[in-house]
Amino acid sequence: MGEELVALWAQMLDTDSITSDTDFFRNGGDSLQILELLTAVEQPWDVDVPVEDSH
């Protein structure tokens, strides 16, 4: 799951350099993209990530 999550995050930010310290919003992500990312995580792994926990 970790590698797949990094790949999704990198795809959203259009970059190859994602680390555990990468800030989604400081690296070009926006609120619509974070919602897309949450949806992409929730569906295949059957988890619920509340929006208030995503910042």
PDB file of N, CA and C in Angstrom:
ATOM      1  N   MET A   1       0.823  -1.198   0.000  1.00  0.00           N
ATOM      2  CA  MET A   1       0.000   0.000   0.000  1.00  0.00           C
ATOM      3  C   MET A   1       0.865   1.258   0.000  1.00  0.00           C
ATOM      4  N   GLY A   2       1.988   1.266   0.705  1.00  0.00           N
ATOM      5  CA  GLY A   2       2.837   2.439   0.789  1.00  0.00           C
ATOM      6  C   GLY A   2       3.339   2.912  -0.561  1.00  0.00           C
ATOM      7  N   GLU A   3       3.849   1.991  -1.351  1.00  0.00           N
ATOM      8  CA  GLU A   3       4.370   2.353  -2.666  1.00  0.00           C
ATOM      9  C   GLU A   3       3.257   2.848  -3.582  1.00  0.00           C
ATOM     10  N   GLU A   4       2.089   2.236  -3.480  1.00  0.00           N
ATOM     11  CA  GLU A   4       0.960   2.649  -4.307  1.00  0.00           C
ATOM     12  C   GLU A   4       0.476   4.045  -3.914  1.00  0.00           C
ATOM     13  N   LEU A   5       0.490   4.330  -2.614  1.00  0.00           N
ATOM     14  CA  LEU A   5       0.087   5.648  -2.134  1.00  0.00           C
ATOM     15  C   LEU A   5       1.070   6.710  -2.610  1.00  0.00           C
ATOM     16  N   VAL A   6       2.359   6.425  -2.544  1.00  0.00           N
ATOM     17  CA  VAL A   6       3.375   7.356  -3.037  1.00  0.00           C
ATOM     18  C   VAL A   6       3.180   7.602  -4.531  1.00  0.00           C
ATOM     19  N   ALA A   7       2.869   6.554  -5.275  1.00  0.00           N
ATOM     20  CA  ALA A   7       2.651   6.697  -6.721  1.00  0.00           C
ATOM     21  C   ALA A   7       1.441   7.585  -7.008  1.00  0.00           C
ATOM     22  N   LEU A   8       0.353   7.409  -6.256  1.00  0.00           N
ATOM     23  CA  LEU A   8      -0.833   8.252  -6.434  1.00  0.00           C
ATOM     24  C   LEU A   8      -0.516   9.711  -6.128  1.00  0.00           C
ATOM     25  N   TRP A   9       0.203   9.928  -5.031  1.00  0.00           N
ATOM     26  CA  TRP A   9       0.570  11.263  -4.592  1.00  0.00           C
ATOM     27  C   TRP A   9       1.451  11.927  -5.655  1.00  0.00           C
ATOM     28  N   ALA A  10       2.432  11.204  -6.146  1.00  0.00           N
ATOM     29  CA  ALA A  10       3.335  11.724  -7.173  1.00  0.00           C
ATOM     30  C   ALA A  10       2.578  12.057  -8.448  1.00  0.00           C
ATOM     31  N   GLN A  11       1.621  11.214  -8.799  1.00  0.00           N
ATOM     32  CA  GLN A  11       0.819  11.462  -9.998  1.00  0.00           C
ATOM     33  C   GLN A  11       0.006  12.743  -9.838  1.00  0.00           C
ATOM     34  N   MET A  12      -0.598  12.926  -8.676  1.00  0.00           N
ATOM     35  CA  MET A  12      -1.395  14.129  -8.431  1.00  0.00           C
ATOM     36  C   MET A  12      -0.542  15.393  -8.509  1.00  0.00           C
ATOM     37  N   LEU A  13       0.701  15.308  -8.011  1.00  0.00           N
ATOM     38  CA  LEU A  13       1.576  16.474  -7.990  1.00  0.00           C
ATOM     39  C   LEU A  13       2.440  16.573  -9.236  1.00  0.00           C
ATOM     40  N   ASP A  14       2.324  15.589 -10.121  1.00  0.00           N
ATOM     41  CA  ASP A  14       3.107  15.555 -11.352  1.00  0.00           C
ATOM     42  C   ASP A  14       4.606  15.669 -11.064  1.00  0.00           C
ATOM     43  N   THR A  15       5.095  14.774 -10.190  1.00  0.00           N
ATOM     44  CA  THR A  15       6.500  14.761  -9.806  1.00  0.00           C
ATOM     45  C   THR A  15       6.938  13.329  -9.506  1.00  0.00           C
ATOM     46  N   ASP A  16       8.241  13.123  -9.498  1.00  0.00           N
ATOM     47  CA  ASP A  16       8.786  11.810  -9.137  1.00  0.00           C
ATOM     48  C   ASP A  16       9.451  11.828  -7.769  1.00  0.00           C
ATOM     49  N   SER A  17       9.554  12.990  -7.162  1.00  0.00           N
ATOM     50  CA  SER A  17      10.298  13.104  -5.908  1.00  0.00           C
ATOM     51  C   SER A  17       9.369  13.328  -4.715  1.00  0.00           C
ATOM     52  N   ILE A  18       8.797  12.248  -4.223  1.00  0.00           N
ATOM     53  CA  ILE A  18       7.932  12.282  -3.051  1.00  0.00           C
ATOM     54  C   ILE A  18       8.655  11.604  -1.895  1.00  0.00           C
ATOM     55  N   THR A  19       8.691  12.273  -0.748  1.00  0.00           N
ATOM     56  CA  THR A  19       9.268  11.686   0.463  1.00  0.00           C
ATOM     57  C   THR A  19       8.235  11.776   1.574  1.00  0.00           C
ATOM     58  N   SER A  20       8.560  11.235   2.720  1.00  0.00           N
ATOM     59  CA  SER A  20       7.637  11.303   3.856  1.00  0.00           C
ATOM     60  C   SER A  20       7.455  12.733   4.351  1.00  0.00           C
ATOM     61  N   ASP A  21       8.351  13.639   3.954  1.00  0.00           N
ATOM     62  CA  ASP A  21       8.258  15.042   4.355  1.00  0.00           C
ATOM     63  C   ASP A  21       7.584  15.932   3.317  1.00  0.00           C
ATOM     64  N   THR A  22       7.177  15.379   2.189  1.00  0.00           N
ATOM     65  CA  THR A  22       6.580  16.178   1.123  1.00  0.00           C
ATOM     66  C   THR A  22       5.231  16.724   1.566  1.00  0.00           C
ATOM     67  N   ASP A  23       5.071  18.021   1.470  1.00  0.00           N
ATOM     68  CA  ASP A  23       3.815  18.685   1.808  1.00  0.00           C
ATOM     69  C   ASP A  23       2.981  18.790   0.524  1.00  0.00           C
ATOM     70  N   PHE A  24       1.840  18.160   0.513  1.00  0.00           N
ATOM     71  CA  PHE A  24       0.992  18.111  -0.673  1.00  0.00           C
ATOM     72  C   PHE A  24       0.671  19.509  -1.198  1.00  0.00           C
ATOM     73  N   PHE A  25       0.245  20.391  -0.310  1.00  0.00           N
ATOM     74  CA  PHE A  25      -0.191  21.719  -0.730  1.00  0.00           C
ATOM     75  C   PHE A  25       0.970  22.629  -1.116  1.00  0.00           C
ATOM     76  N   ARG A  26       2.075  22.533  -0.427  1.00  0.00           N
ATOM     77  CA  ARG A  26       3.248  23.348  -0.761  1.00  0.00           C
ATOM     78  C   ARG A  26       3.909  22.909  -2.060  1.00  0.00           C
ATOM     79  N   ASN A  27       3.568  21.729  -2.526  1.00  0.00           N
ATOM     80  CA  ASN A  27       4.153  21.221  -3.760  1.00  0.00           C
ATOM     81  C   ASN A  27       3.171  21.240  -4.924  1.00  0.00           C
ATOM     82  N   GLY A  28       2.187  22.123  -4.838  1.00  0.00           N
ATOM     83  CA  GLY A  28       1.295  22.342  -5.967  1.00  0.00           C
ATOM     84  C   GLY A  28      -0.071  21.703  -5.866  1.00  0.00           C
ATOM     85  N   GLY A  29      -0.310  20.901  -4.838  1.00  0.00           N
ATOM     86  CA  GLY A  29      -1.620  20.280  -4.680  1.00  0.00           C
ATOM     87  C   GLY A  29      -2.661  21.290  -4.242  1.00  0.00           C
ATOM     88  N   ASP A  30      -3.917  21.013  -4.578  1.00  0.00           N
ATOM     89  CA  ASP A  30      -4.990  21.902  -4.155  1.00  0.00           C
ATOM     90  C   ASP A  30      -6.124  21.085  -3.533  1.00  0.00           C
ATOM     91  N   SER A  31      -7.143  21.773  -3.071  1.00  0.00           N
ATOM     92  CA  SER A  31      -8.222  21.105  -2.339  1.00  0.00           C
ATOM     93  C   SER A  31      -8.985  20.104  -3.204  1.00  0.00           C
ATOM     94  N   LEU A  32      -9.163  20.389  -4.477  1.00  0.00           N
ATOM     95  CA  LEU A  32      -9.846  19.427  -5.347  1.00  0.00           C
ATOM     96  C   LEU A  32      -8.994  18.178  -5.555  1.00  0.00           C
ATOM     97  N   GLN A  33      -7.702  18.364  -5.694  1.00  0.00           N
ATOM     98  CA  GLN A  33      -6.812  17.215  -5.885  1.00  0.00           C
ATOM     99  C   GLN A  33      -6.761  16.341  -4.638  1.00  0.00           C
ATOM    100  N   ILE A  34      -6.791  16.957  -3.448  1.00  0.00           N
ATOM    101  CA  ILE A  34      -6.748  16.142  -2.231  1.00  0.00           C
ATOM    102  C   ILE A  34      -8.013  15.302  -2.123  1.00  0.00           C
ATOM    103  N   LEU A  35      -9.145  15.840  -2.559  1.00  0.00           N
ATOM    104  CA  LEU A  35     -10.376  15.045  -2.555  1.00  0.00           C
ATOM    105  C   LEU A  35     -10.280  13.886  -3.551  1.00  0.00           C
ATOM    106  N   GLU A  36      -9.679  14.136  -4.707  1.00  0.00           N
ATOM    107  CA  GLU A  36      -9.463  13.065  -5.680  1.00  0.00           C
ATOM    108  C   GLU A  36      -8.526  12.004  -5.112  1.00  0.00           C
ATOM    109  N   LEU A  37      -7.486  12.449  -4.413  1.00  0.00           N
ATOM    110  CA  LEU A  37      -6.537  11.515  -3.802  1.00  0.00           C
ATOM    111  C   LEU A  37      -7.224  10.670  -2.732  1.00  0.00           C
ATOM    112  N   LEU A  38      -8.033  11.298  -1.909  1.00  0.00           N
ATOM    113  CA  LEU A  38      -8.753  10.556  -0.872  1.00  0.00           C
ATOM    114  C   LEU A  38      -9.686   9.516  -1.485  1.00  0.00           C
ATOM    115  N   THR A  39     -10.376   9.881  -2.544  1.00  0.00           N
ATOM    116  CA  THR A  39     -11.252   8.933  -3.230  1.00  0.00           C
ATOM    117  C   THR A  39     -10.444   7.777  -3.806  1.00  0.00           C
ATOM    118  N   ALA A  40      -9.294   8.087  -4.376  1.00  0.00           N
ATOM    119  CA  ALA A  40      -8.438   7.045  -4.961  1.00  0.00           C
ATOM    120  C   ALA A  40      -7.893   6.103  -3.904  1.00  0.00           C
ATOM    121  N   VAL A  41      -7.762   6.572  -2.670  1.00  0.00           N
ATOM    122  CA  VAL A  41      -7.274   5.733  -1.569  1.00  0.00           C
ATOM    123  C   VAL A  41      -8.422   4.930  -0.963  1.00  0.00           C
ATOM    124  N   GLU A  42      -9.551   5.569  -0.786  1.00  0.00           N
ATOM    125  CA  GLU A  42     -10.673   4.923  -0.110  1.00  0.00           C
ATOM    126  C   GLU A  42     -11.234   3.735  -0.883  1.00  0.00           C
ATOM    127  N   GLN A  43     -11.390   3.877  -2.172  1.00  0.00           N
ATOM    128  CA  GLN A  43     -12.052   2.832  -2.953  1.00  0.00           C
ATOM    129  C   GLN A  43     -11.275   1.514  -3.007  1.00  0.00           C
ATOM    130  N   PRO A  44     -10.041   1.490  -3.455  1.00  0.00           N
ATOM    131  CA  PRO A  44      -9.370   0.183  -3.590  1.00  0.00           C
ATOM    132  C   PRO A  44      -9.005  -0.469  -2.261  1.00  0.00           C
ATOM    133  N   TRP A  45      -8.771   0.341  -1.221  1.00  0.00           N
ATOM    134  CA  TRP A  45      -8.353  -0.236   0.057  1.00  0.00           C
ATOM    135  C   TRP A  45      -9.489  -0.299   1.061  1.00  0.00           C
ATOM    136  N   ASP A  46     -10.681   0.109   0.649  1.00  0.00           N
ATOM    137  CA  ASP A  46     -11.877   0.047   1.490  1.00  0.00           C
ATOM    138  C   ASP A  46     -11.640   0.680   2.867  1.00  0.00           C
ATOM    139  N   VAL A  47     -11.139   1.926   2.842  1.00  0.00           N
ATOM    140  CA  VAL A  47     -10.938   2.693   4.070  1.00  0.00           C
ATOM    141  C   VAL A  47     -11.708   3.992   3.954  1.00  0.00           C
ATOM    142  N   ASP A  48     -12.018   4.571   5.102  1.00  0.00           N
ATOM    143  CA  ASP A  48     -12.702   5.850   5.140  1.00  0.00           C
ATOM    144  C   ASP A  48     -11.757   6.871   5.756  1.00  0.00           C
ATOM    145  N   VAL A  49     -11.372   7.869   4.982  1.00  0.00           N
ATOM    146  CA  VAL A  49     -10.490   8.924   5.469  1.00  0.00           C
ATOM    147  C   VAL A  49     -11.314  10.201   5.587  1.00  0.00           C
ATOM    148  N   PRO A  50     -11.635  10.610   6.813  1.00  0.00           N
ATOM    149  CA  PRO A  50     -12.421  11.829   6.978  1.00  0.00           C
ATOM    150  C   PRO A  50     -11.656  13.031   6.414  1.00  0.00           C
ATOM    151  N   VAL A  51     -12.339  13.940   5.764  1.00  0.00           N
ATOM    152  CA  VAL A  51     -11.698  15.094   5.151  1.00  0.00           C
ATOM    153  C   VAL A  51     -10.978  15.945   6.175  1.00  0.00           C
ATOM    154  N   GLU A  52     -11.525  16.097   7.354  1.00  0.00           N
ATOM    155  CA  GLU A  52     -10.886  16.939   8.377  1.00  0.00           C
ATOM    156  C   GLU A  52      -9.534  16.373   8.816  1.00  0.00           C
ATOM    157  N   ASP A  53      -9.261  15.084   8.594  1.00  0.00           N
ATOM    158  CA  ASP A  53      -7.985  14.473   8.945  1.00  0.00           C
ATOM    159  C   ASP A  53      -6.955  14.554   7.829  1.00  0.00           C
ATOM    160  N   SER A  54      -7.295  15.133   6.705  1.00  0.00           N
ATOM    161  CA  SER A  54      -6.423  15.100   5.548  1.00  0.00           C
ATOM    162  C   SER A  54      -5.523  16.320   5.410  1.00  0.00           C
ATOM    163  N   HIS A  55      -5.468  17.189   6.383  1.00  0.00           N
ATOM    164  CA  HIS A  55      -4.609  18.374   6.261  1.00  0.00           C
ATOM    165  C   HIS A  55      -3.484  18.362   7.253  1.00  0.00           C
TER     166      HIS A  55
END
